[in-house]
Amino acid sequence: MPGFYGKYYYNLDSKGRTLIPPVFKEILSSNYSPRLVFVNDEFDNCLCAYPVDEWNKLMEKIKEMPQTSDAVKYYKRRVIGSAVECEIDKQGRVLIPSALREDAQLSNEIVLVGQGHKVEIWDKKKYEEVADPSRLDKEMIKGFKGELSGLGL
């Protein structure tokens, strides 16, 4: 099944709506329903949008995890507790709820970044900071290279 990839720069309108990139809409219409679940990312200051089917798979995984684990509790509070299902309108826009926009500190300039089974939504300035390789020191680069190599990438 094809996934979401690429990065797309968009704006939020005064109501908090943004366009969905045409390539993402095509993936949704071919493989999923036209509904997305928006959530806080567990650690980064961005949002994630999952097709409902992918979100349901994730929810099934969570059910099988130890519910007394502090990490699972944190994840449920931060991610699942923030979940809002949204539908794409006829103009190809989606309304990002205000609470989620505030949590991710989104300005009107945003970046939608495909992550395979989900899409990240970042404030443009924050995305440029976290995606800039010059912010990594030599030790971080060496560590990342080793870890990614060990994972087969």
N, C-alpha and C. Protein backbone atom coordinates (compact mmCIF):
# COMPACT_ATOMS: atom_id res chain seq x y z
N MET A 1 0.85 -1.18 0.00
CA MET A 1 0.00 0.00 0.00
C MET A 1 0.89 1.24 0.00
N PRO A 2 0.64 2.19 -0.88
CA PRO A 2 1.47 3.40 -0.91
C PRO A 2 1.30 4.21 0.37
N GLY A 3 2.34 4.94 0.69
CA GLY A 3 2.30 5.75 1.90
C GLY A 3 2.43 7.22 1.58
N PHE A 4 2.43 8.00 2.63
CA PHE A 4 2.57 9.46 2.54
C PHE A 4 4.06 9.80 2.54
N TYR A 5 4.50 10.59 1.58
CA TYR A 5 5.89 11.03 1.55
C TYR A 5 5.96 12.43 0.96
N GLY A 6 7.08 13.08 1.20
CA GLY A 6 7.27 14.44 0.71
C GLY A 6 6.90 15.47 1.77
N LYS A 7 7.31 16.73 1.50
CA LYS A 7 6.93 17.83 2.39
C LYS A 7 6.27 18.92 1.58
N TYR A 8 5.27 19.53 2.17
CA TYR A 8 4.43 20.50 1.48
C TYR A 8 4.20 21.69 2.40
N TYR A 9 4.44 22.88 1.85
CA TYR A 9 4.27 24.12 2.61
C TYR A 9 2.89 24.69 2.33
N TYR A 10 2.14 24.95 3.40
CA TYR A 10 0.80 25.50 3.28
C TYR A 10 0.59 26.56 4.35
N ASN A 11 -0.56 27.22 4.28
CA ASN A 11 -0.96 28.19 5.29
C ASN A 11 -2.23 27.73 5.96
N LEU A 12 -2.39 28.13 7.21
CA LEU A 12 -3.66 27.97 7.90
C LEU A 12 -4.48 29.22 7.64
N ASP A 13 -5.77 29.05 7.35
CA ASP A 13 -6.61 30.24 7.20
C ASP A 13 -7.06 30.73 8.57
N SER A 14 -7.86 31.77 8.61
CA SER A 14 -8.26 32.38 9.88
C SER A 14 -9.08 31.45 10.77
N LYS A 15 -9.67 30.41 10.18
CA LYS A 15 -10.45 29.44 10.96
C LYS A 15 -9.63 28.23 11.39
N GLY A 16 -8.38 28.16 10.93
CA GLY A 16 -7.53 27.02 11.29
C GLY A 16 -7.59 25.87 10.28
N ARG A 17 -8.04 26.19 9.07
CA ARG A 17 -8.11 25.16 8.03
C ARG A 17 -6.87 25.21 7.15
N THR A 18 -6.53 24.06 6.60
CA THR A 18 -5.45 23.99 5.63
C THR A 18 -5.84 23.03 4.52
N LEU A 19 -5.23 23.23 3.38
CA LEU A 19 -5.42 22.30 2.28
C LEU A 19 -4.63 21.03 2.55
N ILE A 20 -5.14 19.93 2.02
CA ILE A 20 -4.42 18.67 2.05
C ILE A 20 -3.73 18.55 0.69
N PRO A 21 -2.44 18.25 0.65
CA PRO A 21 -1.76 18.12 -0.64
C PRO A 21 -2.48 17.12 -1.55
N PRO A 22 -2.62 17.43 -2.83
CA PRO A 22 -3.33 16.53 -3.75
C PRO A 22 -2.82 15.09 -3.72
N VAL A 23 -1.51 14.91 -3.60
CA VAL A 23 -0.97 13.54 -3.56
C VAL A 23 -1.45 12.81 -2.30
N PHE A 24 -1.57 13.51 -1.18
CA PHE A 24 -2.09 12.90 0.04
C PHE A 24 -3.58 12.57 -0.11
N LYS A 25 -4.34 13.48 -0.74
CA LYS A 25 -5.77 13.22 -0.97
C LYS A 25 -5.95 11.98 -1.84
N GLU A 26 -5.09 11.83 -2.84
CA GLU A 26 -5.17 10.67 -3.73
C GLU A 26 -4.91 9.37 -2.95
N ILE A 27 -3.92 9.38 -2.09
CA ILE A 27 -3.62 8.21 -1.27
C ILE A 27 -4.81 7.89 -0.37
N LEU A 28 -5.39 8.92 0.25
CA LEU A 28 -6.55 8.71 1.11
C LEU A 28 -7.72 8.14 0.32
N SER A 29 -8.03 8.74 -0.83
CA SER A 29 -9.21 8.29 -1.58
C SER A 29 -9.01 6.90 -2.17
N SER A 30 -7.78 6.53 -2.48
CA SER A 30 -7.52 5.21 -3.06
C SER A 30 -7.41 4.11 -2.02
N ASN A 31 -7.02 4.46 -0.81
CA ASN A 31 -6.70 3.43 0.18
C ASN A 31 -7.43 3.54 1.52
N TYR A 32 -8.01 4.69 1.79
CA TYR A 32 -8.60 4.94 3.10
C TYR A 32 -9.91 5.71 2.94
N SER A 33 -10.51 6.02 4.09
CA SER A 33 -11.67 6.92 4.08
C SER A 33 -11.15 8.36 4.09
N PRO A 34 -12.00 9.34 3.79
CA PRO A 34 -11.53 10.74 3.76
C PRO A 34 -11.48 11.40 5.15
N ARG A 35 -11.25 10.60 6.17
CA ARG A 35 -11.20 11.14 7.53
C ARG A 35 -9.79 10.91 8.10
N LEU A 36 -9.35 11.89 8.86
CA LEU A 36 -8.05 11.82 9.51
C LEU A 36 -8.22 12.00 11.02
N VAL A 37 -7.36 11.37 11.78
CA VAL A 37 -7.32 11.57 13.22
C VAL A 37 -6.07 12.40 13.52
N PHE A 38 -6.28 13.58 14.08
CA PHE A 38 -5.18 14.47 14.45
C PHE A 38 -4.87 14.28 15.93
N VAL A 39 -3.57 14.20 16.23
CA VAL A 39 -3.12 14.01 17.61
C VAL A 39 -1.83 14.80 17.84
N ASN A 40 -1.51 15.02 19.11
CA ASN A 40 -0.19 15.53 19.47
C ASN A 40 0.83 14.43 19.21
N ASP A 41 2.01 14.81 18.73
CA ASP A 41 3.11 13.85 18.68
C ASP A 41 3.52 13.54 20.10
N GLU A 42 4.02 12.35 20.33
CA GLU A 42 4.34 11.97 21.70
C GLU A 42 5.48 12.79 22.31
N PHE A 43 6.47 13.20 21.51
CA PHE A 43 7.61 13.93 22.07
C PHE A 43 7.91 15.24 21.35
N ASP A 44 7.73 15.28 20.05
CA ASP A 44 8.04 16.49 19.30
C ASP A 44 6.90 17.48 19.37
N ASN A 45 7.22 18.74 19.13
CA ASN A 45 6.23 19.81 19.19
C ASN A 45 5.58 19.97 17.81
N CYS A 46 4.85 18.92 17.40
CA CYS A 46 4.14 18.92 16.13
C CYS A 46 2.89 18.06 16.30
N LEU A 47 2.09 18.02 15.25
CA LEU A 47 0.91 17.16 15.25
C LEU A 47 1.14 16.01 14.29
N CYS A 48 0.36 14.95 14.46
CA CYS A 48 0.35 13.83 13.53
C CYS A 48 -1.08 13.62 13.08
N ALA A 49 -1.22 13.29 11.79
CA ALA A 49 -2.53 12.98 11.23
C ALA A 49 -2.47 11.56 10.68
N TYR A 50 -3.36 10.72 11.18
CA TYR A 50 -3.44 9.33 10.76
C TYR A 50 -4.74 9.11 9.99
N PRO A 51 -4.70 8.36 8.88
CA PRO A 51 -5.97 7.89 8.32
C PRO A 51 -6.67 7.06 9.40
N VAL A 52 -7.98 7.09 9.43
CA VAL A 52 -8.73 6.39 10.49
C VAL A 52 -8.33 4.92 10.57
N ASP A 53 -8.12 4.27 9.44
CA ASP A 53 -7.75 2.85 9.46
C ASP A 53 -6.41 2.63 10.16
N GLU A 54 -5.44 3.50 9.89
CA GLU A 54 -4.13 3.39 10.55
C GLU A 54 -4.25 3.70 12.04
N TRP A 55 -5.09 4.67 12.38
CA TRP A 55 -5.32 5.00 13.78
C TRP A 55 -5.92 3.80 14.52
N ASN A 56 -6.88 3.14 13.88
CA ASN A 56 -7.50 1.96 14.51
C ASN A 56 -6.49 0.85 14.75
N LYS A 57 -5.56 0.66 13.83
CA LYS A 57 -4.49 -0.34 14.03
C LYS A 57 -3.64 0.03 15.25
N LEU A 58 -3.31 1.30 15.35
CA LEU A 58 -2.52 1.77 16.49
C LEU A 58 -3.28 1.55 17.80
N MET A 59 -4.57 1.83 17.80
CA MET A 59 -5.38 1.64 19.00
C MET A 59 -5.41 0.17 19.43
N GLU A 60 -5.45 -0.74 18.46
CA GLU A 60 -5.41 -2.17 18.77
C GLU A 60 -4.08 -2.55 19.43
N LYS A 61 -2.97 -1.98 18.93
CA LYS A 61 -1.66 -2.23 19.53
C LYS A 61 -1.62 -1.76 20.98
N ILE A 62 -2.18 -0.57 21.20
CA ILE A 62 -2.17 0.02 22.55
C ILE A 62 -2.94 -0.86 23.53
N LYS A 63 -4.03 -1.46 23.09
CA LYS A 63 -4.82 -2.35 23.96
C LYS A 63 -4.00 -3.52 24.48
N GLU A 64 -3.03 -3.97 23.69
CA GLU A 64 -2.23 -5.14 24.06
C GLU A 64 -1.05 -4.79 24.95
N MET A 65 -0.78 -3.53 25.16
CA MET A 65 0.37 -3.11 25.95
C MET A 65 0.02 -3.09 27.43
N PRO A 66 1.05 -3.21 28.28
CA PRO A 66 0.78 -3.18 29.73
C PRO A 66 0.23 -1.82 30.16
N GLN A 67 -0.98 -1.82 30.64
CA GLN A 67 -1.67 -0.57 30.96
C GLN A 67 -1.14 0.11 32.22
N THR A 68 -0.29 -0.59 32.99
CA THR A 68 0.30 0.02 34.19
C THR A 68 1.66 0.64 33.90
N SER A 69 2.17 0.45 32.69
CA SER A 69 3.46 1.03 32.30
C SER A 69 3.36 2.55 32.29
N ASP A 70 4.33 3.21 32.92
CA ASP A 70 4.34 4.68 32.93
C ASP A 70 4.48 5.24 31.52
N ALA A 71 5.26 4.58 30.67
CA ALA A 71 5.43 5.05 29.29
C ALA A 71 4.12 4.93 28.52
N VAL A 72 3.40 3.84 28.71
CA VAL A 72 2.10 3.66 28.03
C VAL A 72 1.10 4.69 28.56
N LYS A 73 1.10 4.91 29.86
CA LYS A 73 0.19 5.92 30.44
C LYS A 73 0.49 7.30 29.85
N TYR A 74 1.78 7.65 29.77
CA TYR A 74 2.16 8.94 29.18
C TYR A 74 1.66 9.02 27.75
N TYR A 75 1.90 7.98 26.96
CA TYR A 75 1.49 7.96 25.55
C TYR A 75 -0.03 8.14 25.43
N LYS A 76 -0.76 7.43 26.26
CA LYS A 76 -2.22 7.53 26.20
C LYS A 76 -2.69 8.93 26.57
N ARG A 77 -2.06 9.51 27.57
CA ARG A 77 -2.46 10.86 27.98
C ARG A 77 -2.10 11.90 26.92
N ARG A 78 -0.88 11.84 26.41
CA ARG A 78 -0.38 12.84 25.46
C ARG A 78 -0.98 12.66 24.07
N VAL A 79 -1.02 11.44 23.57
CA VAL A 79 -1.43 11.19 22.20
C VAL A 79 -2.91 10.85 22.10
N ILE A 80 -3.31 9.77 22.71
CA ILE A 80 -4.70 9.33 22.59
C ILE A 80 -5.66 10.36 23.19
N GLY A 81 -5.24 10.98 24.29
CA GLY A 81 -6.08 12.00 24.92
C GLY A 81 -6.29 13.24 24.07
N SER A 82 -5.43 13.44 23.08
CA SER A 82 -5.56 14.62 22.22
C SER A 82 -6.29 14.33 20.90
N ALA A 83 -6.63 13.08 20.65
CA ALA A 83 -7.16 12.67 19.34
C ALA A 83 -8.49 13.33 18.98
N VAL A 84 -8.55 13.82 17.73
CA VAL A 84 -9.78 14.40 17.19
C VAL A 84 -9.90 13.92 15.75
N GLU A 85 -11.04 13.32 15.44
CA GLU A 85 -11.29 12.87 14.07
C GLU A 85 -11.83 14.03 13.24
N CYS A 86 -11.23 14.25 12.07
CA CYS A 86 -11.60 15.36 11.20
C CYS A 86 -11.85 14.85 9.79
N GLU A 87 -12.77 15.50 9.12
CA GLU A 87 -13.09 15.12 7.75
C GLU A 87 -12.59 16.18 6.78
N ILE A 88 -12.15 15.74 5.62
CA ILE A 88 -11.71 16.65 4.58
C ILE A 88 -12.95 17.17 3.86
N ASP A 89 -13.05 18.50 3.70
CA ASP A 89 -14.24 19.06 3.06
C ASP A 89 -14.14 18.97 1.53
N LYS A 90 -15.17 19.43 0.86
CA LYS A 90 -15.23 19.32 -0.61
C LYS A 90 -14.16 20.15 -1.30
N GLN A 91 -13.64 21.16 -0.62
CA GLN A 91 -12.57 21.98 -1.19
C GLN A 91 -11.18 21.40 -0.91
N GLY A 92 -11.14 20.23 -0.27
CA GLY A 92 -9.86 19.60 0.03
C GLY A 92 -9.15 20.17 1.25
N ARG A 93 -9.94 20.79 2.15
CA ARG A 93 -9.37 21.38 3.36
C ARG A 93 -9.76 20.55 4.57
N VAL A 94 -8.97 20.71 5.62
CA VAL A 94 -9.30 20.09 6.89
C VAL A 94 -9.11 21.14 7.98
N LEU A 95 -10.02 21.14 8.93
CA LEU A 95 -9.95 22.06 10.07
C LEU A 95 -9.13 21.39 11.17
N ILE A 96 -8.03 22.02 11.54
CA ILE A 96 -7.23 21.52 12.65
C ILE A 96 -7.77 22.17 13.92
N PRO A 97 -8.26 21.38 14.86
CA PRO A 97 -8.86 21.95 16.07
C PRO A 97 -7.92 22.92 16.79
N SER A 98 -8.50 23.97 17.36
CA SER A 98 -7.70 25.03 17.97
C SER A 98 -6.82 24.52 19.11
N ALA A 99 -7.31 23.59 19.92
CA ALA A 99 -6.49 23.08 21.03
C ALA A 99 -5.22 22.41 20.50
N LEU A 100 -5.34 21.69 19.40
CA LEU A 100 -4.17 21.04 18.81
C LEU A 100 -3.23 22.07 18.17
N ARG A 101 -3.80 23.08 17.53
CA ARG A 101 -2.96 24.15 16.96
C ARG A 101 -2.15 24.82 18.06
N GLU A 102 -2.80 25.05 19.20
CA GLU A 102 -2.11 25.67 20.33
C GLU A 102 -1.03 24.75 20.89
N ASP A 103 -1.36 23.46 21.07
CA ASP A 103 -0.39 22.51 21.61
C ASP A 103 0.88 22.47 20.77
N ALA A 104 0.73 22.49 19.44
CA ALA A 104 1.88 22.42 18.54
C ALA A 104 2.45 23.80 18.21
N GLN A 105 1.85 24.83 18.78
CA GLN A 105 2.27 26.22 18.55
C GLN A 105 2.40 26.52 17.06
N LEU A 106 1.35 26.18 16.31
CA LEU A 106 1.35 26.41 14.87
C LEU A 106 1.07 27.87 14.57
N SER A 107 1.87 28.46 13.71
CA SER A 107 1.59 29.79 13.17
C SER A 107 0.76 29.56 11.92
N ASN A 108 0.58 30.58 11.11
CA ASN A 108 -0.21 30.35 9.90
C ASN A 108 0.60 29.66 8.81
N GLU A 109 1.95 29.62 8.92
CA GLU A 109 2.79 28.92 7.96
C GLU A 109 3.15 27.55 8.52
N ILE A 110 2.71 26.50 7.82
CA ILE A 110 2.93 25.13 8.30
C ILE A 110 3.58 24.28 7.21
N VAL A 111 4.07 23.13 7.64
CA VAL A 111 4.65 22.14 6.74
C VAL A 111 3.99 20.81 7.04
N LEU A 112 3.49 20.14 5.99
CA LEU A 112 2.95 18.80 6.11
C LEU A 112 4.01 17.85 5.58
N VAL A 113 4.43 16.89 6.42
CA VAL A 113 5.55 16.01 6.09
C VAL A 113 5.08 14.56 6.12
N GLY A 114 5.14 13.90 4.98
CA GLY A 114 4.75 12.50 4.91
C GLY A 114 5.71 11.62 5.69
N GLN A 115 5.14 10.68 6.43
CA GLN A 115 5.92 9.77 7.26
C GLN A 115 5.54 8.31 7.00
N GLY A 116 5.08 8.02 5.81
CA GLY A 116 4.67 6.65 5.48
C GLY A 116 3.20 6.45 5.82
N HIS A 117 2.93 6.00 7.04
CA HIS A 117 1.55 5.69 7.45
C HIS A 117 0.84 6.87 8.10
N LYS A 118 1.55 7.99 8.28
CA LYS A 118 0.96 9.17 8.90
C LYS A 118 1.59 10.41 8.30
N VAL A 119 1.05 11.59 8.68
CA VAL A 119 1.57 12.87 8.23
C VAL A 119 1.85 13.71 9.46
N GLU A 120 3.04 14.33 9.51
CA GLU A 120 3.34 15.27 10.57
C GLU A 120 2.97 16.67 10.10
N ILE A 121 2.48 17.50 11.04
CA ILE A 121 2.15 18.90 10.75
C ILE A 121 2.98 19.75 11.70
N TRP A 122 3.84 20.58 11.12
CA TRP A 122 4.79 21.39 11.88
C TRP A 122 4.56 22.87 11.60
N ASP A 123 4.87 23.70 12.58
CA ASP A 123 5.07 25.11 12.32
C ASP A 123 6.30 25.20 11.43
N LYS A 124 6.25 26.02 10.40
CA LYS A 124 7.34 26.08 9.42
C LYS A 124 8.69 26.36 10.06
N LYS A 125 8.77 27.34 10.94
CA LYS A 125 10.06 27.69 11.56
C LYS A 125 10.59 26.55 12.41
N LYS A 126 9.71 25.90 13.17
CA LYS A 126 10.15 24.78 14.01
C LYS A 126 10.64 23.62 13.16
N TYR A 127 9.93 23.35 12.07
CA TYR A 127 10.35 22.25 11.19
C TYR A 127 11.73 22.53 10.61
N GLU A 128 11.95 23.74 10.15
CA GLU A 128 13.25 24.07 9.58
C GLU A 128 14.37 23.90 10.61
N GLU A 129 14.07 24.17 11.88
CA GLU A 129 15.07 23.97 12.93
C GLU A 129 15.37 22.49 13.14
N VAL A 130 14.34 21.67 13.30
CA VAL A 130 14.57 20.24 13.61
C VAL A 130 15.08 19.46 12.41
N ALA A 131 14.80 19.92 11.19
CA ALA A 131 15.23 19.19 10.00
C ALA A 131 16.58 19.67 9.48
N ASP A 132 17.17 20.66 10.12
CA ASP A 132 18.44 21.22 9.68
C ASP A 132 19.59 20.35 10.18
N PRO A 133 20.32 19.69 9.26
CA PRO A 133 21.42 18.83 9.72
C PRO A 133 22.56 19.58 10.38
N SER A 134 22.67 20.88 10.15
CA SER A 134 23.77 21.65 10.76
C SER A 134 23.60 21.76 12.28
N ARG A 135 22.40 21.45 12.80
CA ARG A 135 22.21 21.51 14.25
C ARG A 135 22.80 20.30 14.96
N LEU A 136 23.17 19.27 14.20
CA LEU A 136 23.72 18.06 14.78
C LEU A 136 25.23 18.18 14.93
N ASP A 137 25.72 17.79 16.10
CA ASP A 137 27.18 17.78 16.25
C ASP A 137 27.73 16.45 15.72
N LYS A 138 29.06 16.35 15.64
CA LYS A 138 29.68 15.16 15.05
C LYS A 138 29.33 13.88 15.79
N GLU A 139 29.22 13.96 17.09
CA GLU A 139 28.88 12.77 17.88
C GLU A 139 27.45 12.30 17.61
N MET A 140 26.54 13.26 17.49
CA MET A 140 25.15 12.90 17.18
C MET A 140 25.07 12.25 15.81
N ILE A 141 25.77 12.83 14.83
CA ILE A 141 25.76 12.27 13.47
C ILE A 141 26.32 10.85 13.50
N LYS A 142 27.43 10.67 14.18
CA LYS A 142 28.05 9.35 14.27
C LYS A 142 27.08 8.35 14.92
N GLY A 143 26.43 8.78 15.99
CA GLY A 143 25.46 7.90 16.67
C GLY A 143 24.27 7.57 15.78
N PHE A 144 23.73 8.58 15.10
CA PHE A 144 22.59 8.35 14.19
C PHE A 144 22.98 7.42 13.06
N LYS A 145 24.17 7.64 12.47
CA LYS A 145 24.62 6.78 11.37
C LYS A 145 24.71 5.33 11.84
N GLY A 146 25.29 5.12 13.02
CA GLY A 146 25.43 3.76 13.56
C GLY A 146 24.07 3.12 13.82
N GLU A 147 23.17 3.88 14.42
CA GLU A 147 21.84 3.34 14.71
C GLU A 147 21.07 3.02 13.43
N LEU A 148 21.09 3.95 12.48
CA LEU A 148 20.37 3.72 11.23
C LEU A 148 20.98 2.57 10.43
N SER A 149 22.30 2.48 10.44
CA SER A 149 22.97 1.38 9.77
C SER A 149 22.56 0.04 10.40
N GLY A 150 22.50 0.02 11.73
CA GLY A 150 22.08 -1.19 12.44
C GLY A 150 20.65 -1.58 12.12
N LEU A 151 19.84 -0.60 11.74
CA LEU A 151 18.45 -0.87 11.37
C LEU A 151 18.30 -1.19 9.89
N GLY A 152 19.43 -1.16 9.16
CA GLY A 152 19.40 -1.49 7.74
C GLY A 152 19.10 -0.31 6.83
N LEU A 153 19.25 0.91 7.33
CA LEU A 153 19.02 2.11 6.50
C LEU A 153 20.32 2.78 6.13
